[in-house]
PDB file of N, CA and C in Angstrom:
ATOM      1  N   MET A   1     199.299 141.352 157.723  1.00  0.00           N
ATOM      2  CA  MET A   1     199.614 141.698 159.078  1.00  0.00           C
ATOM      3  C   MET A   1     199.172 140.544 159.971  1.00  0.00           C
ATOM      4  N   LYS A   2     200.038 140.155 160.892  1.00  0.00           N
ATOM      5  CA  LYS A   2     199.702 139.117 161.870  1.00  0.00           C
ATOM      6  C   LYS A   2     199.258 139.814 163.147  1.00  0.00           C
ATOM      7  N   ILE A   3     198.130 139.366 163.699  1.00  0.00           N
ATOM      8  CA  ILE A   3     197.649 139.940 164.948  1.00  0.00           C
ATOM      9  C   ILE A   3     197.567 138.850 166.013  1.00  0.00           C
ATOM     10  N   THR A   4     197.798 139.268 167.260  1.00  0.00           N
ATOM     11  CA  THR A   4     197.735 138.362 168.399  1.00  0.00           C
ATOM     12  C   THR A   4     196.752 138.931 169.408  1.00  0.00           C
ATOM     13  N   PHE A   5     195.756 138.151 169.762  1.00  0.00           N
ATOM     14  CA  PHE A   5     194.760 138.587 170.736  1.00  0.00           C
ATOM     15  C   PHE A   5     195.426 138.798 172.084  1.00  0.00           C
ATOM     16  N   LEU A   6     195.195 139.988 172.686  1.00  0.00           N
ATOM     17  CA  LEU A   6     195.742 140.297 173.999  1.00  0.00           C
ATOM     18  C   LEU A   6     194.702 140.192 175.102  1.00  0.00           C
ATOM     19  N   GLY A   7     193.487 140.605 174.798  1.00  0.00           N
ATOM     20  CA  GLY A   7     192.461 140.551 175.822  1.00  0.00           C
ATOM     21  C   GLY A   7     191.272 141.406 175.467  1.00  0.00           C
ATOM     22  N   LYS A   8     190.306 141.390 176.380  1.00  0.00           N
ATOM     23  CA  LYS A   8     189.089 142.166 176.197  1.00  0.00           C
ATOM     24  C   LYS A   8     188.495 142.480 177.558  1.00  0.00           C
ATOM     25  N   ASP A   9     187.504 143.303 177.551  1.00  0.00           N
ATOM     26  CA  ASP A   9     186.820 143.664 178.782  1.00  0.00           C
ATOM     27  C   ASP A   9     186.236 142.397 179.412  1.00  0.00           C
ATOM     28  N   PRO A  10     186.667 142.042 180.614  1.00  0.00           N
ATOM     29  CA  PRO A  10     186.168 140.810 181.228  1.00  0.00           C
ATOM     30  C   PRO A  10     184.677 140.866 181.557  1.00  0.00           C
ATOM     31  N   GLU A  11     184.100 142.052 181.544  1.00  0.00           N
ATOM     32  CA  GLU A  11     182.673 142.205 181.831  1.00  0.00           C
ATOM     33  C   GLU A  11     181.811 141.960 180.593  1.00  0.00           C
ATOM     34  N   SER A  12     182.428 141.936 179.394  1.00  0.00           N
ATOM     35  CA  SER A  12     181.632 141.781 178.182  1.00  0.00           C
ATOM     36  C   SER A  12     181.368 140.309 177.897  1.00  0.00           C
ATOM     37  N   ARG A  13     180.302 140.090 177.145  1.00  0.00           N
ATOM     38  CA  ARG A  13     179.978 138.722 176.755  1.00  0.00           C
ATOM     39  C   ARG A  13     180.995 138.230 175.735  1.00  0.00           C
ATOM     40  N   GLU A  14     181.024 136.929 175.493  1.00  0.00           N
ATOM     41  CA  GLU A  14     182.039 136.325 174.630  1.00  0.00           C
ATOM     42  C   GLU A  14     182.080 136.956 173.244  1.00  0.00           C
ATOM     43  N   SER A  15     180.932 137.320 172.682  1.00  0.00           N
ATOM     44  CA  SER A  15     180.900 137.814 171.312  1.00  0.00           C
ATOM     45  C   SER A  15     180.925 139.343 171.222  1.00  0.00           C
ATOM     46  N   ASP A  16     181.182 140.027 172.324  1.00  0.00           N
ATOM     47  CA  ASP A  16     181.158 141.492 172.322  1.00  0.00           C
ATOM     48  C   ASP A  16     182.543 142.094 172.133  1.00  0.00           C
ATOM     49  N   CYS A  17     182.523 143.371 171.789  1.00  0.00           N
ATOM     50  CA  CYS A  17     183.723 144.193 171.748  1.00  0.00           C
ATOM     51  C   CYS A  17     183.841 144.860 173.102  1.00  0.00           C
ATOM     52  N   PRO A  18     184.869 145.554 173.450  1.00  0.00           N
ATOM     53  CA  PRO A  18     186.088 145.716 172.652  1.00  0.00           C
ATOM     54  C   PRO A  18     187.099 144.607 172.900  1.00  0.00           C
ATOM     55  N   SER A  19     187.972 144.441 171.934  1.00  0.00           N
ATOM     56  CA  SER A  19     189.071 143.487 172.058  1.00  0.00           C
ATOM     57  C   SER A  19     190.352 144.195 171.648  1.00  0.00           C
ATOM     58  N   LEU A  20     191.464 143.797 172.238  1.00  0.00           N
ATOM     59  CA  LEU A  20     192.752 144.416 171.959  1.00  0.00           C
ATOM     60  C   LEU A  20     193.697 143.371 171.382  1.00  0.00           C
ATOM     61  N   TYR A  21     194.375 143.736 170.301  1.00  0.00           N
ATOM     62  CA  TYR A  21     195.310 142.846 169.623  1.00  0.00           C
ATOM     63  C   TYR A  21     196.661 143.541 169.465  1.00  0.00           C
ATOM     64  N   ASP A  22     197.737 142.761 169.477  1.00  0.00           N
ATOM     65  CA  ASP A  22     199.076 143.243 169.155  1.00  0.00           C
ATOM     66  C   ASP A  22     199.325 142.859 167.702  1.00  0.00           C
ATOM     67  N   THR A  23     200.103 143.664 166.979  1.00  0.00           N
ATOM     68  CA  THR A  23     200.406 143.336 165.586  1.00  0.00           C
ATOM     69  C   THR A  23     201.905 143.087 165.433  1.00  0.00           C
ATOM     70  N   ASP A  24     202.259 142.464 164.328  1.00  0.00           N
ATOM     71  CA  ASP A  24     203.671 142.231 164.041  1.00  0.00           C
ATOM     72  C   ASP A  24     204.364 143.504 163.557  1.00  0.00           C
ATOM     73  N   ARG A  25     203.649 144.624 163.551  1.00  0.00           N
ATOM     74  CA  ARG A  25     204.212 145.922 163.145  1.00  0.00           C
ATOM     75  C   ARG A  25     204.437 146.842 164.336  1.00  0.00           C
ATOM     76  N   HIS A  26     204.431 146.262 165.536  1.00  0.00           N
ATOM     77  CA  HIS A  26     204.647 147.026 166.769  1.00  0.00           C
ATOM     78  C   HIS A  26     203.570 148.091 166.971  1.00  0.00           C
ATOM     79  N   THR A  27     202.341 147.728 166.634  1.00  0.00           N
ATOM     80  CA  THR A  27     201.183 148.590 166.847  1.00  0.00           C
ATOM     81  C   THR A  27     200.096 147.764 167.507  1.00  0.00           C
ATOM     82  N   TYR A  28     199.028 148.412 167.903  1.00  0.00           N
ATOM     83  CA  TYR A  28     197.874 147.733 168.478  1.00  0.00           C
ATOM     84  C   TYR A  28     196.665 147.914 167.587  1.00  0.00           C
ATOM     85  N   LEU A  29     195.807 146.930 167.587  1.00  0.00           N
ATOM     86  CA  LEU A  29     194.539 146.987 166.881  1.00  0.00           C
ATOM     87  C   LEU A  29     193.448 146.898 167.938  1.00  0.00           C
ATOM     88  N   VAL A  30     192.541 147.854 167.923  1.00  0.00           N
ATOM     89  CA  VAL A  30     191.436 147.862 168.868  1.00  0.00           C
ATOM     90  C   VAL A  30     190.152 147.625 168.095  1.00  0.00           C
ATOM     91  N   GLN A  31     189.510 146.507 168.361  1.00  0.00           N
ATOM     92  CA  GLN A  31     188.196 146.236 167.793  1.00  0.00           C
ATOM     93  C   GLN A  31     187.224 146.814 168.794  1.00  0.00           C
ATOM     94  N   GLY A  32     186.490 147.811 168.392  1.00  0.00           N
ATOM     95  CA  GLY A  32     185.754 148.549 169.395  1.00  0.00           C
ATOM     96  C   GLY A  32     184.271 148.681 169.158  1.00  0.00           C
ATOM     97  N   TRP A  33     183.786 149.853 169.436  1.00  0.00           N
ATOM     98  CA  TRP A  33     182.377 150.164 169.430  1.00  0.00           C
ATOM     99  C   TRP A  33     182.220 151.568 168.890  1.00  0.00           C
ATOM    100  N   LYS A  34     181.005 151.962 168.647  1.00  0.00           N
ATOM    101  CA  LYS A  34     180.703 153.334 168.253  1.00  0.00           C
ATOM    102  C   LYS A  34     179.957 153.988 169.402  1.00  0.00           C
ATOM    103  N   ILE A  35     180.286 155.235 169.657  1.00  0.00           N
ATOM    104  CA  ILE A  35     179.647 155.978 170.731  1.00  0.00           C
ATOM    105  C   ILE A  35     178.918 157.154 170.109  1.00  0.00           C
ATOM    106  N   THR A  36     177.703 157.427 170.561  1.00  0.00           N
ATOM    107  CA  THR A  36     176.932 158.525 169.991  1.00  0.00           C
ATOM    108  C   THR A  36     177.645 159.847 170.228  1.00  0.00           C
ATOM    109  N   ILE A  37     177.317 160.824 169.409  1.00  0.00           N
ATOM    110  CA  ILE A  37     177.975 162.129 169.471  1.00  0.00           C
ATOM    111  C   ILE A  37     177.894 162.739 170.861  1.00  0.00           C
ATOM    112  N   ASP A  38     176.775 162.565 171.530  1.00  0.00           N
ATOM    113  CA  ASP A  38     176.623 163.167 172.860  1.00  0.00           C
ATOM    114  C   ASP A  38     177.038 162.219 173.995  1.00  0.00           C
ATOM    115  N   ASP A  39     177.710 161.129 173.671  1.00  0.00           N
ATOM    116  CA  ASP A  39     178.209 160.153 174.651  1.00  0.00           C
ATOM    117  C   ASP A  39     177.105 159.543 175.514  1.00  0.00           C
ATOM    118  N   SER A  40     175.898 159.427 174.979  1.00  0.00           N
ATOM    119  CA  SER A  40     174.791 158.887 175.768  1.00  0.00           C
ATOM    120  C   SER A  40     174.510 157.415 175.483  1.00  0.00           C
ATOM    121  N   ALA A  41     175.123 156.859 174.443  1.00  0.00           N
ATOM    122  CA  ALA A  41     174.872 155.463 174.089  1.00  0.00           C
ATOM    123  C   ALA A  41     176.087 154.905 173.360  1.00  0.00           C
ATOM    124  N   ALA A  42     176.184 153.587 173.358  1.00  0.00           N
ATOM    125  CA  ALA A  42     177.246 152.900 172.626  1.00  0.00           C
ATOM    126  C   ALA A  42     176.603 151.819 171.770  1.00  0.00           C
ATOM    127  N   ILE A  43     177.157 151.605 170.603  1.00  0.00           N
ATOM    128  CA  ILE A  43     176.702 150.533 169.725  1.00  0.00           C
ATOM    129  C   ILE A  43     177.830 149.516 169.658  1.00  0.00           C
ATOM    130  N   VAL A  44     177.546 148.295 170.065  1.00  0.00           N
ATOM    131  CA  VAL A  44     178.562 147.250 170.036  1.00  0.00           C
ATOM    132  C   VAL A  44     178.204 146.218 168.985  1.00  0.00           C
ATOM    133  N   GLY A  45     179.231 145.647 168.380  1.00  0.00           N
ATOM    134  CA  GLY A  45     179.034 144.590 167.399  1.00  0.00           C
ATOM    135  C   GLY A  45     179.175 143.234 168.050  1.00  0.00           C
ATOM    136  N   HIS A  46     178.378 142.289 167.595  1.00  0.00           N
ATOM    137  CA  HIS A  46     178.462 140.904 168.071  1.00  0.00           C
ATOM    138  C   HIS A  46     178.955 140.047 166.919  1.00  0.00           C
ATOM    139  N   PHE A  47     179.739 139.019 167.247  1.00  0.00           N
ATOM    140  CA  PHE A  47     180.306 138.134 166.233  1.00  0.00           C
ATOM    141  C   PHE A  47     180.056 136.693 166.621  1.00  0.00           C
ATOM    142  N   ASP A  48     179.917 135.833 165.605  1.00  0.00           N
ATOM    143  CA  ASP A  48     179.725 134.415 165.902  1.00  0.00           C
ATOM    144  C   ASP A  48     181.084 133.767 166.171  1.00  0.00           C
ATOM    145  N   ALA A  49     181.086 132.465 166.422  1.00  0.00           N
ATOM    146  CA  ALA A  49     182.312 131.756 166.786  1.00  0.00           C
ATOM    147  C   ALA A  49     183.352 131.774 165.670  1.00  0.00           C
ATOM    148  N   ASP A  50     182.915 132.018 164.430  1.00  0.00           N
ATOM    149  CA  ASP A  50     183.844 132.083 163.300  1.00  0.00           C
ATOM    150  C   ASP A  50     184.282 133.506 162.979  1.00  0.00           C
ATOM    151  N   GLY A  51     183.874 134.457 163.819  1.00  0.00           N
ATOM    152  CA  GLY A  51     184.282 135.838 163.608  1.00  0.00           C
ATOM    153  C   GLY A  51     183.421 136.617 162.640  1.00  0.00           C
ATOM    154  N   ARG A  52     182.316 136.053 162.207  1.00  0.00           N
ATOM    155  CA  ARG A  52     181.409 136.758 161.284  1.00  0.00           C
ATOM    156  C   ARG A  52     180.473 137.657 162.066  1.00  0.00           C
ATOM    157  N   PRO A  53     180.166 138.836 161.512  1.00  0.00           N
ATOM    158  CA  PRO A  53     179.235 139.734 162.196  1.00  0.00           C
ATOM    159  C   PRO A  53     177.911 139.029 162.483  1.00  0.00           C
ATOM    160  N   ALA A  54     177.389 139.241 163.696  1.00  0.00           N
ATOM    161  CA  ALA A  54     176.143 138.586 164.104  1.00  0.00           C
ATOM    162  C   ALA A  54     175.159 139.600 164.687  1.00  0.00           C
ATOM    163  N   GLY A  55     175.287 140.835 164.290  1.00  0.00           N
ATOM    164  CA  GLY A  55     174.347 141.849 164.750  1.00  0.00           C
ATOM    165  C   GLY A  55     174.986 142.910 165.618  1.00  0.00           C
ATOM    166  N   ARG A  56     174.171 143.901 165.959  1.00  0.00           N
ATOM    167  CA  ARG A  56     174.609 145.016 166.793  1.00  0.00           C
ATOM    168  C   ARG A  56     173.642 145.199 167.944  1.00  0.00           C
ATOM    169  N   GLU A  57     174.115 145.922 168.950  1.00  0.00           N
ATOM    170  CA  GLU A  57     173.274 146.187 170.108  1.00  0.00           C
ATOM    171  C   GLU A  57     173.480 147.630 170.554  1.00  0.00           C
ATOM    172  N   LEU A  58     172.387 148.321 170.792  1.00  0.00           N
ATOM    173  CA  LEU A  58     172.436 149.680 171.320  1.00  0.00           C
ATOM    174  C   LEU A  58     172.403 149.602 172.833  1.00  0.00           C
ATOM    175  N   ILE A  59     173.413 150.179 173.475  1.00  0.00           N
ATOM    176  CA  ILE A  59     173.507 150.153 174.939  1.00  0.00           C
ATOM    177  C   ILE A  59     173.359 151.572 175.459  1.00  0.00           C
ATOM    178  N   LYS A  60     172.444 151.746 176.411  1.00  0.00           N
ATOM    179  CA  LYS A  60     172.223 153.055 177.017  1.00  0.00           C
ATOM    180  C   LYS A  60     172.507 153.072 178.514  1.00  0.00           C
ATOM    181  N   ASP A  61     172.948 151.950 179.066  1.00  0.00           N
ATOM    182  CA  ASP A  61     173.275 151.891 180.490  1.00  0.00           C
ATOM    183  C   ASP A  61     174.412 152.879 180.759  1.00  0.00           C
ATOM    184  N   PRO A  62     174.192 153.884 181.607  1.00  0.00           N
ATOM    185  CA  PRO A  62     175.205 154.930 181.817  1.00  0.00           C
ATOM    186  C   PRO A  62     176.552 154.401 182.312  1.00  0.00           C
ATOM    187  N   ASP A  63     176.555 153.357 183.132  1.00  0.00           N
ATOM    188  CA  ASP A  63     177.820 152.810 183.626  1.00  0.00           C
ATOM    189  C   ASP A  63     178.641 152.182 182.496  1.00  0.00           C
ATOM    190  N   ILE A  64     177.976 151.439 181.624  1.00  0.00           N
ATOM    191  CA  ILE A  64     178.665 150.803 180.497  1.00  0.00           C
ATOM    192  C   ILE A  64     179.135 151.861 179.508  1.00  0.00           C
ATOM    193  N   VAL A  65     178.260 152.799 179.179  1.00  0.00           N
ATOM    194  CA  VAL A  65     178.623 153.847 178.216  1.00  0.00           C
ATOM    195  C   VAL A  65     179.788 154.685 178.739  1.00  0.00           C
ATOM    196  N   SER A  66     179.782 155.013 180.022  1.00  0.00           N
ATOM    197  CA  SER A  66     180.881 155.826 180.557  1.00  0.00           C
ATOM    198  C   SER A  66     182.207 155.059 180.482  1.00  0.00           C
ATOM    199  N   GLY A  67     182.174 153.750 180.653  1.00  0.00           N
ATOM    200  CA  GLY A  67     183.387 152.946 180.484  1.00  0.00           C
ATOM    201  C   GLY A  67     183.893 152.980 179.056  1.00  0.00           C
ATOM    202  N   CYS A  68     182.966 152.923 178.099  1.00  0.00           N
ATOM    203  CA  CYS A  68     183.338 153.018 176.679  1.00  0.00           C
ATOM    204  C   CYS A  68     183.935 154.392 176.377  1.00  0.00           C
ATOM    205  N   VAL A  69     183.337 155.429 176.916  1.00  0.00           N
ATOM    206  CA  VAL A  69     183.823 156.799 176.691  1.00  0.00           C
ATOM    207  C   VAL A  69     185.228 156.950 177.284  1.00  0.00           C
ATOM    208  N   ARG A  70     185.455 156.434 178.486  1.00  0.00           N
ATOM    209  CA  ARG A  70     186.786 156.527 179.104  1.00  0.00           C
ATOM    210  C   ARG A  70     187.835 155.814 178.253  1.00  0.00           C
ATOM    211  N   ALA A  71     187.516 154.619 177.784  1.00  0.00           N
ATOM    212  CA  ALA A  71     188.461 153.871 176.954  1.00  0.00           C
ATOM    213  C   ALA A  71     188.738 154.610 175.652  1.00  0.00           C
ATOM    214  N   ARG A  72     187.696 155.140 175.023  1.00  0.00           N
ATOM    215  CA  ARG A  72     187.885 155.905 173.790  1.00  0.00           C
ATOM    216  C   ARG A  72     188.800 157.097 174.031  1.00  0.00           C
ATOM    217  N   ASP A  73     188.533 157.829 175.103  1.00  0.00           N
ATOM    218  CA  ASP A  73     189.323 159.027 175.383  1.00  0.00           C
ATOM    219  C   ASP A  73     190.783 158.693 175.683  1.00  0.00           C
ATOM    220  N   LEU A  74     191.038 157.560 176.337  1.00  0.00           N
ATOM    221  CA  LEU A  74     192.407 157.151 176.620  1.00  0.00           C
ATOM    222  C   LEU A  74     193.161 156.736 175.354  1.00  0.00           C
ATOM    223  N   LEU A  75     192.453 156.089 174.431  1.00  0.00           N
ATOM    224  CA  LEU A  75     193.093 155.558 173.226  1.00  0.00           C
ATOM    225  C   LEU A  75     193.123 156.532 172.059  1.00  0.00           C
ATOM    226  N   TRP A  76     192.269 157.545 172.073  1.00  0.00           N
ATOM    227  CA  TRP A  76     192.110 158.427 170.913  1.00  0.00           C
ATOM    228  C   TRP A  76     193.427 159.056 170.476  1.00  0.00           C
ATOM    229  N   GLY A  77     194.235 159.493 171.428  1.00  0.00           N
ATOM    230  CA  GLY A  77     195.503 160.137 171.087  1.00  0.00           C
ATOM    231  C   GLY A  77     196.511 159.199 170.448  1.00  0.00           C
ATOM    232  N   LEU A  78     196.295 157.896 170.578  1.00  0.00           N
ATOM    233  CA  LEU A  78     197.197 156.917 169.979  1.00  0.00           C
ATOM    234  C   LEU A  78     196.755 156.487 168.584  1.00  0.00           C
ATOM    235  N   ALA A  79     195.580 156.895 168.191  1.00  0.00           N
ATOM    236  CA  ALA A  79     195.013 156.450 166.916  1.00  0.00           C
ATOM    237  C   ALA A  79     195.712 157.112 165.729  1.00  0.00           C
ATOM    238  N   ILE A  80     195.684 156.436 164.609  1.00  0.00           N
ATOM    239  CA  ILE A  80     196.187 157.000 163.359  1.00  0.00           C
ATOM    240  C   ILE A  80     195.055 157.808 162.741  1.00  0.00           C
ATOM    241  N   PRO A  81     195.303 159.088 162.416  1.00  0.00           N
ATOM    242  CA  PRO A  81     194.249 159.869 161.756  1.00  0.00           C
ATOM    243  C   PRO A  81     193.794 159.178 160.472  1.00  0.00           C
ATOM    244  N   HIS A  82     192.506 159.192 160.216  1.00  0.00           N
ATOM    245  CA  HIS A  82     191.945 158.485 159.062  1.00  0.00           C
ATOM    246  C   HIS A  82     192.662 158.870 157.770  1.00  0.00           C
ATOM    247  N   ALA A  83     192.954 160.147 157.581  1.00  0.00           N
ATOM    248  CA  ALA A  83     193.604 160.609 156.350  1.00  0.00           C
ATOM    249  C   ALA A  83     195.019 160.031 156.194  1.00  0.00           C
ATOM    250  N   ASP A  84     195.650 159.658 157.315  1.00  0.00           N
ATOM    251  CA  ASP A  84     197.020 159.127 157.277  1.00  0.00           C
ATOM    252  C   ASP A  84     197.072 157.604 157.218  1.00  0.00           C
ATOM    253  N   TYR A  85     195.928 156.947 157.359  1.00  0.00           N
ATOM    254  CA  TYR A  85     195.888 155.482 157.408  1.00  0.00           C
ATOM    255  C   TYR A  85     196.141 154.918 156.029  1.00  0.00           C
ATOM    256  N   LYS A  86     197.163 154.090 155.923  1.00  0.00           N
ATOM    257  CA  LYS A  86     197.519 153.444 154.659  1.00  0.00           C
ATOM    258  C   LYS A  86     197.679 151.951 154.920  1.00  0.00           C
ATOM    259  N   PRO A  87     196.637 151.158 154.634  1.00  0.00           N
ATOM    260  CA  PRO A  87     196.753 149.719 154.893  1.00  0.00           C
ATOM    261  C   PRO A  87     197.851 149.101 154.019  1.00  0.00           C
ATOM    262  N   VAL A  88     198.535 148.137 154.573  1.00  0.00           N
ATOM    263  CA  VAL A  88     199.599 147.423 153.848  1.00  0.00           C
ATOM    264  C   VAL A  88     199.119 146.012 153.621  1.00  0.00           C
ATOM    265  N   MET A  89     199.087 145.613 152.373  1.00  0.00           N
ATOM    266  CA  MET A  89     198.651 144.256 152.056  1.00  0.00           C
ATOM    267  C   MET A  89     199.861 143.323 152.063  1.00  0.00           C
ATOM    268  N   ALA A  90     199.695 142.206 152.749  1.00  0.00           N
ATOM    269  CA  ALA A  90     200.813 141.248 152.845  1.00  0.00           C
ATOM    270  C   ALA A  90     200.861 140.366 151.627  1.00  0.00           C
TER     271      ALA A  90
END
Protein backbone atom coordinates (compact mmCIF):
# COMPACT_ATOMS: atom_id res chain seq x y z
CA MET A 1 0.00 0.00 0.00
CA LYS A 2 1.30 3.46 -0.89
CA ILE A 3 0.55 6.20 1.62
CA THR A 4 0.80 9.97 1.22
CA PHE A 5 1.18 12.24 4.23
CA LEU A 6 -1.69 14.74 4.40
CA GLY A 7 -1.04 16.53 7.65
CA LYS A 8 -1.07 16.52 11.41
CA ASP A 9 -2.15 18.59 14.34
CA PRO A 10 -0.19 21.84 13.97
CA GLU A 11 -0.05 22.12 17.77
CA SER A 12 1.87 18.84 18.16
CA ARG A 13 5.62 18.54 18.21
CA GLU A 14 7.41 17.20 15.13
CA SER A 15 7.65 13.63 16.45
CA ASP A 16 4.11 13.41 17.87
CA CYS A 17 0.89 11.89 16.65
CA PRO A 18 -1.70 12.16 15.25
CA SER A 19 -0.92 12.18 11.56
CA LEU A 20 -3.27 11.63 8.63
CA TYR A 21 -2.33 9.81 5.43
CA ASP A 22 -4.15 9.07 2.15
CA THR A 23 -3.72 5.61 0.64
CA ASP A 24 -3.72 4.36 -2.93
CA ARG A 25 -6.81 2.31 -1.95
CA HIS A 26 -9.04 5.37 -1.51
CA THR A 27 -8.90 5.09 2.28
CA TYR A 28 -7.24 7.06 5.07
CA LEU A 29 -4.68 5.92 7.59
CA VAL A 30 -4.68 7.66 10.96
CA GLN A 31 -1.57 7.30 13.08
CA GLY A 32 -2.97 8.19 16.42
CA TRP A 33 -2.89 7.85 20.15
CA LYS A 34 -4.50 5.80 22.88
CA ILE A 35 -7.04 7.35 25.20
CA THR A 36 -7.80 5.96 28.64
CA ILE A 37 -11.15 4.27 29.17
CA ASP A 38 -12.48 7.21 31.17
CA ASP A 39 -11.16 9.79 28.65
CA SER A 40 -8.95 11.40 31.31
CA ALA A 41 -5.56 10.90 29.62
CA ALA A 42 -3.97 10.23 26.25
CA ILE A 43 -0.84 8.26 25.45
CA VAL A 44 1.05 9.52 22.41
CA GLY A 45 3.90 7.85 20.60
CA HIS A 46 7.07 9.68 19.62
CA PHE A 47 9.19 8.75 16.61
CA ASP A 48 12.70 9.64 15.53
CA ALA A 49 13.56 11.21 12.16
CA ASP A 50 13.69 7.74 10.57
CA GLY A 51 10.22 6.82 11.79
CA ARG A 52 11.39 4.45 14.53
CA PRO A 53 9.52 4.46 17.84
CA ALA A 54 11.25 6.77 20.33
CA GLY A 55 9.06 6.42 23.39
CA ARG A 56 5.64 7.33 24.70
CA GLU A 57 4.21 10.15 26.73
CA LEU A 58 1.24 10.23 29.09
CA ILE A 59 -0.73 13.46 28.69
CA LYS A 60 -3.27 14.55 31.28
CA ASP A 61 -3.80 18.17 30.19
CA PRO A 62 -7.61 18.37 29.87
CA ASP A 63 -7.50 20.65 26.80
CA ILE A 64 -5.20 18.29 24.88
CA VAL A 65 -7.07 15.16 25.97
CA SER A 66 -10.44 16.65 25.01
CA GLY A 67 -9.06 17.39 21.53
CA CYS A 68 -7.94 13.77 21.22
CA VAL A 69 -11.36 12.55 22.38
CA ARG A 70 -13.15 14.80 19.84
CA ALA A 71 -10.96 13.53 16.99
CA ARG A 72 -11.47 9.91 18.05
CA ASP A 73 -15.23 10.37 18.24
CA LEU A 74 -15.35 12.00 14.79
CA LEU A 75 -13.26 9.27 13.16
CA TRP A 76 -14.56 6.20 15.02
CA GLY A 77 -17.53 5.68 12.71
CA LEU A 78 -15.20 5.58 9.71
CA ALA A 79 -12.92 2.92 11.17
CA ILE A 80 -12.81 -0.67 9.98
CA PRO A 81 -13.92 -3.02 12.78
CA HIS A 82 -10.92 -5.03 14.00
CA ALA A 83 -12.62 -8.35 13.13
CA ASP A 84 -13.12 -7.14 9.52
CA TYR A 85 -9.58 -5.81 9.01
CA LYS A 86 -7.71 -7.83 6.40
CA PRO A 87 -4.29 -6.39 5.54
CA VAL A 88 -3.26 -6.77 1.90
CA MET A 89 0.39 -7.42 1.24
CA ALA A 90 1.77 -5.81 -1.90
